[in-house]
Amino acid sequence: MNEFTIRDIENLCGIKAHTLRAWEQRYRLFVPKRKESQHRIFDDNDLKELLRISFLYHNGYKVSKLAAMSAEEIQHAVTSTIVRDDNYELFVHQMIEASIGFDKEALDKIINTIAIRIGMEKAITNVFYPFLKRIGLLWLSNNVIPAQEHFASHIIRKKIIMATDGLEIPLGQESIILVFAPKGELHEIPLLAANYFFRKHNNPTVYLGVNIDLETLRYYLDRKPADYIYTHIITHFDDEELDDYFCKLSREYPQKKILVSGPAACCIKKVPQNLTVFHSIDEMLNFARNMAKTT
């Protein structure tokens, strides 16, 4: 059984800690356990209940009404709510709840349903990323529930790979994008997602994967063509090393266009002429869409 602080609940449910305290004190909506220090502590069942309450609250239910409902009534209200295709918050909550219980069958079903209803591209950008952000994997926030993170990310990883394999290989286009993450960078889901986005918009890619050193990169590029080099950086480098890395990459491959995204990309201070920095997923997606039109 996991233990969560009120800040963890805030991050996972999307409701401010001071709001949760007010609900507890005014409506007795929930009764958290207390440590000896009197700090509130929540378990798996508390989290699941609050996820459902949060969903109904964000869908127009008043707190006073929720406080008067039993757990069974709340569950029934959740399942009875008409779910729009763009109701991403419910999908995020469902994935968190399935992950907390290590329910592979439920998580598989949820992800498949999401992909069918809104497409894999929207599933990645509007559901998987927010989900991973909530539980602290993608953006390296506190690892509240590392086992569940690995459990869920493994399933998401497989789904993105399967979706990518199902795309037709673009024909008649010469521009190839080499996709990799540098040595020491082990976060693969953002890289797989970028590879999917490029392929989805008819841009041929070669996927090298994560933890790729410069020697491996050089070995490939000495033997095979690539017009673009794409990488994703989260936290592996400090600012000075980051600038040195991309300056070196730019000098070694001046005729190639180098693309970089990720939370650490905004820390690049020296931007060589052949380097393009994507500051958001939307920038990268727009590039992928426009690139296919110009090649």
C-alpha atoms as a PDB file:
ATOM      1  CA  MET A   1       0.000   0.000   0.000  1.00  0.00           C
ATOM      2  CA  ASN A   2       1.388   3.403  -1.014  1.00  0.00           C
ATOM      3  CA  GLU A   3       1.369   6.505   1.130  1.00  0.00           C
ATOM      4  CA  PHE A   4       0.762   9.949  -0.360  1.00  0.00           C
ATOM      5  CA  THR A   5       1.101  13.423   1.089  1.00  0.00           C
ATOM      6  CA  ILE A   6      -1.456  16.109   0.394  1.00  0.00           C
ATOM      7  CA  ARG A   7       0.982  17.602  -2.139  1.00  0.00           C
ATOM      8  CA  ASP A   8       1.116  14.263  -3.944  1.00  0.00           C
ATOM      9  CA  ILE A   9      -2.698  14.217  -4.040  1.00  0.00           C
ATOM     10  CA  GLU A  10      -2.679  17.787  -5.381  1.00  0.00           C
ATOM     11  CA  ASN A  11      -0.353  16.777  -8.212  1.00  0.00           C
ATOM     12  CA  LEU A  12      -2.178  13.556  -9.056  1.00  0.00           C
ATOM     13  CA  CYS A  13      -5.756  14.866  -8.835  1.00  0.00           C
ATOM     14  CA  GLY A  14      -5.257  18.421 -10.072  1.00  0.00           C
ATOM     15  CA  ILE A  15      -6.863  20.036  -7.020  1.00  0.00           C
ATOM     16  CA  LYS A  16      -4.927  22.543  -4.903  1.00  0.00           C
ATOM     17  CA  ALA A  17      -3.849  21.435  -1.435  1.00  0.00           C
ATOM     18  CA  HIS A  18      -5.591  24.378   0.251  1.00  0.00           C
ATOM     19  CA  THR A  19      -8.826  23.413  -1.550  1.00  0.00           C
ATOM     20  CA  LEU A  20      -8.494  19.826  -0.310  1.00  0.00           C
ATOM     21  CA  ARG A  21      -7.993  21.069   3.246  1.00  0.00           C
ATOM     22  CA  ALA A  22     -11.078  23.261   2.947  1.00  0.00           C
ATOM     23  CA  TRP A  23     -13.146  20.331   1.672  1.00  0.00           C
ATOM     24  CA  GLU A  24     -11.971  18.214   4.578  1.00  0.00           C
ATOM     25  CA  GLN A  25     -12.740  20.833   7.208  1.00  0.00           C
ATOM     26  CA  ARG A  26     -15.978  22.249   5.796  1.00  0.00           C
ATOM     27  CA  TYR A  27     -17.629  19.231   4.206  1.00  0.00           C
ATOM     28  CA  ARG A  28     -15.846  16.258   5.808  1.00  0.00           C
ATOM     29  CA  LEU A  29     -15.561  15.012   2.243  1.00  0.00           C
ATOM     30  CA  PHE A  30     -12.755  12.693   3.301  1.00  0.00           C
ATOM     31  CA  VAL A  31     -10.921  11.883   6.530  1.00  0.00           C
ATOM     32  CA  PRO A  32      -7.202  11.390   5.908  1.00  0.00           C
ATOM     33  CA  LYS A  33      -4.992   9.482   8.288  1.00  0.00           C
ATOM     34  CA  ARG A  34      -2.387  11.373  10.255  1.00  0.00           C
ATOM     35  CA  LYS A  35       1.259  10.760  10.990  1.00  0.00           C
ATOM     36  CA  GLU A  36       2.654  11.401  14.474  1.00  0.00           C
ATOM     37  CA  SER A  37       3.640  14.814  13.149  1.00  0.00           C
ATOM     38  CA  GLN A  38      -0.082  15.347  12.340  1.00  0.00           C
ATOM     39  CA  HIS A  39       0.680  15.650   8.629  1.00  0.00           C
ATOM     40  CA  ARG A  40      -2.093  14.208   6.469  1.00  0.00           C
ATOM     41  CA  ILE A  41      -1.368  10.908   4.761  1.00  0.00           C
ATOM     42  CA  PHE A  42      -3.401   9.142   2.057  1.00  0.00           C
ATOM     43  CA  ASP A  43      -3.365   5.557   0.794  1.00  0.00           C
ATOM     44  CA  ASP A  44      -4.271   3.945  -2.553  1.00  0.00           C
ATOM     45  CA  ASN A  45      -7.994   3.806  -1.785  1.00  0.00           C
ATOM     46  CA  ASP A  46      -8.013   7.466  -0.726  1.00  0.00           C
ATOM     47  CA  LEU A  47      -6.331   8.412  -3.996  1.00  0.00           C
ATOM     48  CA  LYS A  48      -8.822   6.445  -6.096  1.00  0.00           C
ATOM     49  CA  GLU A  49     -11.758   8.048  -4.287  1.00  0.00           C
ATOM     50  CA  LEU A  50     -10.302  11.533  -4.692  1.00  0.00           C
ATOM     51  CA  LEU A  51      -9.617  10.940  -8.378  1.00  0.00           C
ATOM     52  CA  ARG A  52     -13.323  10.201  -8.868  1.00  0.00           C
ATOM     53  CA  ILE A  53     -14.370  13.192  -6.774  1.00  0.00           C
ATOM     54  CA  SER A  54     -11.979  15.406  -8.721  1.00  0.00           C
ATOM     55  CA  PHE A  55     -13.412  14.208 -12.025  1.00  0.00           C
ATOM     56  CA  LEU A  56     -16.998  14.937 -10.969  1.00  0.00           C
ATOM     57  CA  TYR A  57     -16.014  18.293  -9.490  1.00  0.00           C
ATOM     58  CA  HIS A  58     -14.376  19.319 -12.773  1.00  0.00           C
ATOM     59  CA  ASN A  59     -17.537  18.212 -14.562  1.00  0.00           C
ATOM     60  CA  GLY A  60     -19.869  20.545 -12.692  1.00  0.00           C
ATOM     61  CA  TYR A  61     -20.741  18.713  -9.476  1.00  0.00           C
ATOM     62  CA  LYS A  62     -20.894  20.939  -6.385  1.00  0.00           C
ATOM     63  CA  VAL A  63     -18.748  19.953  -3.440  1.00  0.00           C
ATOM     64  CA  SER A  64     -21.765  20.004  -1.130  1.00  0.00           C
ATOM     65  CA  LYS A  65     -23.498  17.436  -3.337  1.00  0.00           C
ATOM     66  CA  LEU A  66     -20.408  15.226  -3.535  1.00  0.00           C
ATOM     67  CA  ALA A  67     -20.099  15.316   0.262  1.00  0.00           C
ATOM     68  CA  ALA A  68     -23.628  13.915   0.581  1.00  0.00           C
ATOM     69  CA  MET A  69     -22.952  11.007  -1.809  1.00  0.00           C
ATOM     70  CA  SER A  70     -21.744   7.559  -0.812  1.00  0.00           C
ATOM     71  CA  ALA A  71     -18.695   5.965  -2.432  1.00  0.00           C
ATOM     72  CA  GLU A  72     -21.039   3.767  -4.501  1.00  0.00           C
ATOM     73  CA  GLU A  73     -23.029   6.787  -5.671  1.00  0.00           C
ATOM     74  CA  ILE A  74     -19.849   8.611  -6.635  1.00  0.00           C
ATOM     75  CA  GLN A  75     -18.636   5.601  -8.620  1.00  0.00           C
ATOM     76  CA  HIS A  76     -22.013   5.344 -10.363  1.00  0.00           C
ATOM     77  CA  ALA A  77     -21.942   9.070 -11.186  1.00  0.00           C
ATOM     78  CA  VAL A  78     -18.489   8.691 -12.740  1.00  0.00           C
ATOM     79  CA  THR A  79     -19.507   5.757 -14.925  1.00  0.00           C
ATOM     80  CA  SER A  80     -22.773   7.488 -15.875  1.00  0.00           C
ATOM     81  CA  THR A  81     -21.148  10.742 -16.935  1.00  0.00           C
ATOM     82  CA  ILE A  82     -21.207  11.215 -20.694  1.00  0.00           C
ATOM     83  CA  VAL A  83     -17.574  11.224 -21.719  1.00  0.00           C
ATOM     84  CA  ARG A  84     -16.646  13.497 -24.603  1.00  0.00           C
ATOM     85  CA  ASP A  85     -13.750  12.536 -26.822  1.00  0.00           C
ATOM     86  CA  ASP A  86     -11.889  15.608 -25.574  1.00  0.00           C
ATOM     87  CA  ASN A  87     -12.462  14.845 -21.882  1.00  0.00           C
ATOM     88  CA  TYR A  88      -8.793  14.140 -21.379  1.00  0.00           C
ATOM     89  CA  GLU A  89      -8.878  14.592 -17.607  1.00  0.00           C
ATOM     90  CA  LEU A  90     -11.026  11.495 -17.146  1.00  0.00           C
ATOM     91  CA  PHE A  91      -8.623   9.450 -19.261  1.00  0.00           C
ATOM     92  CA  VAL A  92      -5.688  10.663 -17.138  1.00  0.00           C
ATOM     93  CA  HIS A  93      -7.562   9.765 -13.942  1.00  0.00           C
ATOM     94  CA  GLN A  94      -8.454   6.319 -15.276  1.00  0.00           C
ATOM     95  CA  MET A  95      -4.813   5.624 -16.142  1.00  0.00           C
ATOM     96  CA  ILE A  96      -3.635   6.723 -12.698  1.00  0.00           C
ATOM     97  CA  GLU A  97      -6.227   4.515 -10.994  1.00  0.00           C
ATOM     98  CA  ALA A  98      -5.301   1.462 -13.101  1.00  0.00           C
ATOM     99  CA  SER A  99      -1.591   2.072 -12.486  1.00  0.00           C
ATOM    100  CA  ILE A 100      -1.993   2.377  -8.725  1.00  0.00           C
ATOM    101  CA  GLY A 101      -3.494  -1.125  -8.679  1.00  0.00           C
ATOM    102  CA  PHE A 102      -1.051  -2.577 -11.258  1.00  0.00           C
ATOM    103  CA  ASP A 103      -4.116  -3.519 -13.311  1.00  0.00           C
ATOM    104  CA  LYS A 104      -2.552  -4.363 -16.678  1.00  0.00           C
ATOM    105  CA  GLU A 105      -5.812  -5.488 -18.273  1.00  0.00           C
ATOM    106  CA  ALA A 106      -7.561  -2.247 -17.297  1.00  0.00           C
ATOM    107  CA  LEU A 107      -4.637  -0.061 -18.411  1.00  0.00           C
ATOM    108  CA  ASP A 108      -4.402  -1.875 -21.755  1.00  0.00           C
ATOM    109  CA  LYS A 109      -8.125  -1.389 -22.301  1.00  0.00           C
ATOM    110  CA  ILE A 110      -8.008   2.299 -21.351  1.00  0.00           C
ATOM    111  CA  ILE A 111      -5.060   3.042 -23.656  1.00  0.00           C
ATOM    112  CA  ASN A 112      -6.614   1.145 -26.556  1.00  0.00           C
ATOM    113  CA  THR A 113      -9.916   2.982 -26.068  1.00  0.00           C
ATOM    114  CA  ILE A 114      -8.158   6.348 -25.953  1.00  0.00           C
ATOM    115  CA  ALA A 115      -6.137   5.627 -29.100  1.00  0.00           C
ATOM    116  CA  ILE A 116      -9.253   4.556 -31.004  1.00  0.00           C
ATOM    117  CA  ARG A 117     -11.370   7.499 -29.867  1.00  0.00           C
ATOM    118  CA  ILE A 118      -8.923  10.386 -30.274  1.00  0.00           C
ATOM    119  CA  GLY A 119      -5.999   8.898 -32.227  1.00  0.00           C
ATOM    120  CA  MET A 120      -2.491   8.117 -31.021  1.00  0.00           C
ATOM    121  CA  GLU A 121      -1.154  11.630 -31.630  1.00  0.00           C
ATOM    122  CA  LYS A 122      -3.724  13.257 -29.336  1.00  0.00           C
ATOM    123  CA  ALA A 123      -3.424  10.349 -26.921  1.00  0.00           C
ATOM    124  CA  ILE A 124       0.300  11.054 -26.521  1.00  0.00           C
ATOM    125  CA  THR A 125       0.065  14.828 -26.260  1.00  0.00           C
ATOM    126  CA  ASN A 126      -3.157  15.173 -24.256  1.00  0.00           C
ATOM    127  CA  VAL A 127      -3.259  12.025 -22.120  1.00  0.00           C
ATOM    128  CA  PHE A 128       0.043  10.117 -21.865  1.00  0.00           C
ATOM    129  CA  TYR A 129       2.229  13.184 -21.295  1.00  0.00           C
ATOM    130  CA  PRO A 130      -0.078  14.724 -18.635  1.00  0.00           C
ATOM    131  CA  PHE A 131      -0.392  11.300 -17.003  1.00  0.00           C
ATOM    132  CA  LEU A 132       3.382  10.817 -16.861  1.00  0.00           C
ATOM    133  CA  LYS A 133       3.833  14.358 -15.653  1.00  0.00           C
ATOM    134  CA  ARG A 134       1.379  13.709 -12.825  1.00  0.00           C
ATOM    135  CA  ILE A 135       3.221  10.675 -11.527  1.00  0.00           C
ATOM    136  CA  GLY A 136       6.607  12.273 -11.923  1.00  0.00           C
ATOM    137  CA  LEU A 137       8.289  10.256 -14.688  1.00  0.00           C
ATOM    138  CA  LEU A 138       8.486  12.490 -17.766  1.00  0.00           C
ATOM    139  CA  TRP A 139       9.584  15.755 -16.162  1.00  0.00           C
ATOM    140  CA  LEU A 140      11.506  14.155 -13.235  1.00  0.00           C
ATOM    141  CA  SER A 141       9.373  15.492 -10.427  1.00  0.00           C
ATOM    142  CA  ASN A 142       9.351  13.547  -7.159  1.00  0.00           C
ATOM    143  CA  ASN A 143       9.131   9.808  -7.761  1.00  0.00           C
ATOM    144  CA  VAL A 144       6.119   9.244  -5.556  1.00  0.00           C
ATOM    145  CA  ILE A 145       5.277   5.822  -6.936  1.00  0.00           C
ATOM    146  CA  PRO A 146       8.282   4.515  -8.922  1.00  0.00           C
ATOM    147  CA  ALA A 147       6.965   0.964  -9.320  1.00  0.00           C
ATOM    148  CA  GLN A 148       3.729   2.210 -10.850  1.00  0.00           C
ATOM    149  CA  GLU A 149       5.672   4.600 -13.066  1.00  0.00           C
ATOM    150  CA  HIS A 150       7.713   1.763 -14.536  1.00  0.00           C
ATOM    151  CA  PHE A 151       4.648  -0.455 -14.861  1.00  0.00           C
ATOM    152  CA  ALA A 152       2.658   2.180 -16.774  1.00  0.00           C
ATOM    153  CA  SER A 153       5.526   3.521 -18.871  1.00  0.00           C
ATOM    154  CA  HIS A 154       6.382   0.015 -20.086  1.00  0.00           C
ATOM    155  CA  ILE A 155       2.824  -0.441 -21.382  1.00  0.00           C
ATOM    156  CA  ILE A 156       2.737   3.043 -22.963  1.00  0.00           C
ATOM    157  CA  ARG A 157       6.117   2.371 -24.592  1.00  0.00           C
ATOM    158  CA  LYS A 158       4.819  -0.817 -26.209  1.00  0.00           C
ATOM    159  CA  LYS A 159       1.661   0.927 -27.460  1.00  0.00           C
ATOM    160  CA  ILE A 160       3.650   3.733 -29.135  1.00  0.00           C
ATOM    161  CA  ILE A 161       6.011   1.227 -30.777  1.00  0.00           C
ATOM    162  CA  MET A 162       3.059  -0.794 -32.095  1.00  0.00           C
ATOM    163  CA  ALA A 163       1.384   2.352 -33.425  1.00  0.00           C
ATOM    164  CA  THR A 164       4.618   3.411 -35.147  1.00  0.00           C
ATOM    165  CA  ASP A 165       5.090  -0.024 -36.699  1.00  0.00           C
ATOM    166  CA  GLY A 166       1.568   0.243 -38.091  1.00  0.00           C
ATOM    167  CA  LEU A 167       2.371   3.397 -40.081  1.00  0.00           C
ATOM    168  CA  GLU A 168       3.183   3.132 -43.743  1.00  0.00           C
ATOM    169  CA  ILE A 169       6.779   3.868 -44.656  1.00  0.00           C
ATOM    170  CA  PRO A 170       6.863   7.066 -46.734  1.00  0.00           C
ATOM    171  CA  LEU A 171       8.089   6.554 -50.283  1.00  0.00           C
ATOM    172  CA  GLY A 172       9.736   9.003 -52.657  1.00  0.00           C
ATOM    173  CA  GLN A 173      11.148  11.285 -49.940  1.00  0.00           C
ATOM    174  CA  GLU A 174      14.869  11.769 -49.547  1.00  0.00           C
ATOM    175  CA  SER A 175      15.081  13.620 -46.212  1.00  0.00           C
ATOM    176  CA  ILE A 176      15.767  11.166 -43.406  1.00  0.00           C
ATOM    177  CA  ILE A 177      15.636  12.044 -39.699  1.00  0.00           C
ATOM    178  CA  LEU A 178      18.025  10.200 -37.392  1.00  0.00           C
ATOM    179  CA  VAL A 179      16.381   9.925 -33.941  1.00  0.00           C
ATOM    180  CA  PHE A 180      18.428   9.280 -30.791  1.00  0.00           C
ATOM    181  CA  ALA A 181      19.063  10.372 -27.204  1.00  0.00           C
ATOM    182  CA  PRO A 182      22.644  11.087 -26.008  1.00  0.00           C
ATOM    183  CA  LYS A 183      24.696   8.865 -23.739  1.00  0.00           C
ATOM    184  CA  GLY A 184      23.279   8.971 -20.218  1.00  0.00           C
ATOM    185  CA  GLU A 185      19.805   9.991 -21.386  1.00  0.00           C
ATOM    186  CA  LEU A 186      17.527   7.026 -20.680  1.00  0.00           C
ATOM    187  CA  HIS A 187      14.022   8.465 -20.986  1.00  0.00           C
ATOM    188  CA  GLU A 188      12.641   6.753 -24.049  1.00  0.00           C
ATOM    189  CA  ILE A 189       8.940   7.644 -24.194  1.00  0.00           C
ATOM    190  CA  PRO A 190       9.509  11.248 -25.429  1.00  0.00           C
ATOM    191  CA  LEU A 191      11.905   9.915 -28.058  1.00  0.00           C
ATOM    192  CA  LEU A 192       9.465   7.218 -29.205  1.00  0.00           C
ATOM    193  CA  ALA A 193       6.715   9.831 -29.319  1.00  0.00           C
ATOM    194  CA  ALA A 194       8.807  12.144 -31.508  1.00  0.00           C
ATOM    195  CA  ASN A 195       9.651   9.241 -33.807  1.00  0.00           C
ATOM    196  CA  TYR A 196       5.930   8.479 -34.076  1.00  0.00           C
ATOM    197  CA  PHE A 197       5.071  12.130 -34.821  1.00  0.00           C
ATOM    198  CA  PHE A 198       7.652  12.365 -37.600  1.00  0.00           C
ATOM    199  CA  ARG A 199       6.528   9.103 -39.178  1.00  0.00           C
ATOM    200  CA  LYS A 200       2.837   9.958 -38.747  1.00  0.00           C
ATOM    201  CA  HIS A 201       3.402  13.081 -40.855  1.00  0.00           C
ATOM    202  CA  ASN A 202       5.243  11.176 -43.592  1.00  0.00           C
ATOM    203  CA  ASN A 203       8.812  11.957 -42.585  1.00  0.00           C
ATOM    204  CA  PRO A 204      11.141   8.916 -42.872  1.00  0.00           C
ATOM    205  CA  THR A 205      13.129   8.199 -39.707  1.00  0.00           C
ATOM    206  CA  VAL A 206      15.882   5.924 -38.476  1.00  0.00           C
ATOM    207  CA  TYR A 207      15.506   5.203 -34.768  1.00  0.00           C
ATOM    208  CA  LEU A 208      18.727   4.566 -32.828  1.00  0.00           C
ATOM    209  CA  GLY A 209      17.218   4.782 -29.338  1.00  0.00           C
ATOM    210  CA  VAL A 210      18.512   6.110 -26.032  1.00  0.00           C
ATOM    211  CA  ASN A 211      21.964   6.256 -24.422  1.00  0.00           C
ATOM    212  CA  ILE A 212      23.789   6.698 -27.746  1.00  0.00           C
ATOM    213  CA  ASP A 213      27.372   7.972 -27.562  1.00  0.00           C
ATOM    214  CA  LEU A 214      28.967  10.151 -30.235  1.00  0.00           C
ATOM    215  CA  GLU A 215      31.093   7.276 -31.527  1.00  0.00           C
ATOM    216  CA  THR A 216      27.984   5.237 -32.310  1.00  0.00           C
ATOM    217  CA  LEU A 217      26.378   8.256 -33.945  1.00  0.00           C
ATOM    218  CA  ARG A 218      29.503   8.873 -35.994  1.00  0.00           C
ATOM    219  CA  TYR A 219      29.721   5.224 -37.042  1.00  0.00           C
ATOM    220  CA  TYR A 220      26.183   5.317 -38.425  1.00  0.00           C
ATOM    221  CA  LEU A 221      26.507   8.684 -40.179  1.00  0.00           C
ATOM    222  CA  ASP A 222      29.760   7.655 -41.848  1.00  0.00           C
ATOM    223  CA  ARG A 223      27.879   4.828 -43.548  1.00  0.00           C
ATOM    224  CA  LYS A 224      24.285   5.923 -43.978  1.00  0.00           C
ATOM    225  CA  PRO A 225      22.582   9.147 -45.086  1.00  0.00           C
ATOM    226  CA  ALA A 226      20.586  11.445 -42.793  1.00  0.00           C
ATOM    227  CA  ASP A 227      19.609  15.047 -43.441  1.00  0.00           C
ATOM    228  CA  TYR A 228      18.324  15.732 -39.932  1.00  0.00           C
ATOM    229  CA  ILE A 229      19.595  14.704 -36.515  1.00  0.00           C
ATOM    230  CA  TYR A 230      16.938  14.800 -33.795  1.00  0.00           C
ATOM    231  CA  THR A 231      17.462  14.350 -30.059  1.00  0.00           C
ATOM    232  CA  HIS A 232      15.548  14.899 -26.834  1.00  0.00           C
ATOM    233  CA  ILE A 233      17.233  16.179 -23.657  1.00  0.00           C
ATOM    234  CA  ILE A 234      15.752  16.091 -20.167  1.00  0.00           C
ATOM    235  CA  THR A 235      18.374  16.618 -17.443  1.00  0.00           C
ATOM    236  CA  HIS A 236      21.537  14.721 -18.331  1.00  0.00           C
ATOM    237  CA  PHE A 237      23.743  17.781 -19.017  1.00  0.00           C
ATOM    238  CA  ASP A 238      24.534  20.900 -17.038  1.00  0.00           C
ATOM    239  CA  ASP A 239      24.317  24.174 -18.994  1.00  0.00           C
ATOM    240  CA  GLU A 240      27.990  24.331 -20.016  1.00  0.00           C
ATOM    241  CA  GLU A 241      28.135  20.689 -21.094  1.00  0.00           C
ATOM    242  CA  LEU A 242      24.904  21.184 -23.035  1.00  0.00           C
ATOM    243  CA  ASP A 243      26.365  24.059 -25.072  1.00  0.00           C
ATOM    244  CA  ASP A 244      29.605  22.150 -25.669  1.00  0.00           C
ATOM    245  CA  TYR A 245      27.722  19.061 -26.828  1.00  0.00           C
ATOM    246  CA  PHE A 246      25.644  20.851 -29.455  1.00  0.00           C
ATOM    247  CA  CYS A 247      28.511  23.053 -30.625  1.00  0.00           C
ATOM    248  CA  LYS A 248      30.574  19.910 -31.168  1.00  0.00           C
ATOM    249  CA  LEU A 249      27.691  18.192 -32.967  1.00  0.00           C
ATOM    250  CA  SER A 250      27.182  21.263 -35.148  1.00  0.00           C
ATOM    251  CA  ARG A 251      30.876  21.517 -36.086  1.00  0.00           C
ATOM    252  CA  GLU A 252      31.130  17.818 -36.890  1.00  0.00           C
ATOM    253  CA  TYR A 253      28.008  17.837 -39.085  1.00  0.00           C
ATOM    254  CA  PRO A 254      27.720  21.385 -40.514  1.00  0.00           C
ATOM    255  CA  GLN A 255      25.653  20.236 -43.515  1.00  0.00           C
ATOM    256  CA  LYS A 256      23.048  18.495 -41.387  1.00  0.00           C
ATOM    257  CA  LYS A 257      20.142  20.131 -39.608  1.00  0.00           C
ATOM    258  CA  ILE A 258      20.179  19.366 -35.901  1.00  0.00           C
ATOM    259  CA  LEU A 259      16.894  19.355 -33.979  1.00  0.00           C
ATOM    260  CA  VAL A 260      16.514  19.246 -30.208  1.00  0.00           C
ATOM    261  CA  SER A 261      13.559  19.225 -27.812  1.00  0.00           C
ATOM    262  CA  GLY A 262      12.974  18.484 -24.133  1.00  0.00           C
ATOM    263  CA  PRO A 263      12.878  20.351 -20.807  1.00  0.00           C
ATOM    264  CA  ALA A 264      16.637  21.002 -20.878  1.00  0.00           C
ATOM    265  CA  ALA A 265      16.547  22.446 -24.409  1.00  0.00           C
ATOM    266  CA  CYS A 266      15.586  25.875 -23.052  1.00  0.00           C
ATOM    267  CA  CYS A 267      18.965  25.959 -21.229  1.00  0.00           C
ATOM    268  CA  ILE A 268      20.965  25.993 -24.481  1.00  0.00           C
ATOM    269  CA  LYS A 269      22.635  29.405 -24.644  1.00  0.00           C
ATOM    270  CA  LYS A 270      24.805  28.964 -27.750  1.00  0.00           C
ATOM    271  CA  VAL A 271      22.629  28.110 -30.736  1.00  0.00           C
ATOM    272  CA  PRO A 272      24.674  27.219 -33.847  1.00  0.00           C
ATOM    273  CA  GLN A 273      23.240  28.143 -37.222  1.00  0.00           C
ATOM    274  CA  ASN A 274      22.226  24.589 -38.084  1.00  0.00           C
ATOM    275  CA  LEU A 275      20.536  23.913 -34.705  1.00  0.00           C
ATOM    276  CA  THR A 276      16.775  24.254 -34.213  1.00  0.00           C
ATOM    277  CA  VAL A 277      15.459  24.226 -30.636  1.00  0.00           C
ATOM    278  CA  PHE A 278      11.840  23.201 -30.025  1.00  0.00           C
ATOM    279  CA  HIS A 279      10.527  24.820 -26.846  1.00  0.00           C
ATOM    280  CA  SER A 280       7.272  22.880 -26.829  1.00  0.00           C
ATOM    281  CA  ILE A 281       5.690  19.775 -28.264  1.00  0.00           C
ATOM    282  CA  ASP A 282       3.517  21.992 -30.478  1.00  0.00           C
ATOM    283  CA  GLU A 283       6.619  23.504 -32.098  1.00  0.00           C
ATOM    284  CA  MET A 284       7.984  20.058 -32.840  1.00  0.00           C
ATOM    285  CA  LEU A 285       4.646  18.860 -34.243  1.00  0.00           C
ATOM    286  CA  ASN A 286       4.321  21.915 -36.467  1.00  0.00           C
ATOM    287  CA  PHE A 287       7.824  21.292 -37.776  1.00  0.00           C
ATOM    288  CA  ALA A 288       6.961  17.659 -38.546  1.00  0.00           C
ATOM    289  CA  ARG A 289       3.789  18.667 -40.393  1.00  0.00           C
ATOM    290  CA  ASN A 290       5.479  21.432 -42.386  1.00  0.00           C
ATOM    291  CA  MET A 291       8.561  19.382 -43.178  1.00  0.00           C
ATOM    292  CA  ALA A 292       6.489  16.760 -44.993  1.00  0.00           C
ATOM    293  CA  LYS A 293       4.932  19.493 -47.139  1.00  0.00           C
ATOM    294  CA  THR A 294       8.287  20.902 -48.250  1.00  0.00           C
ATOM    295  CA  THR A 295      10.131  17.683 -49.057  1.00  0.00           C
END
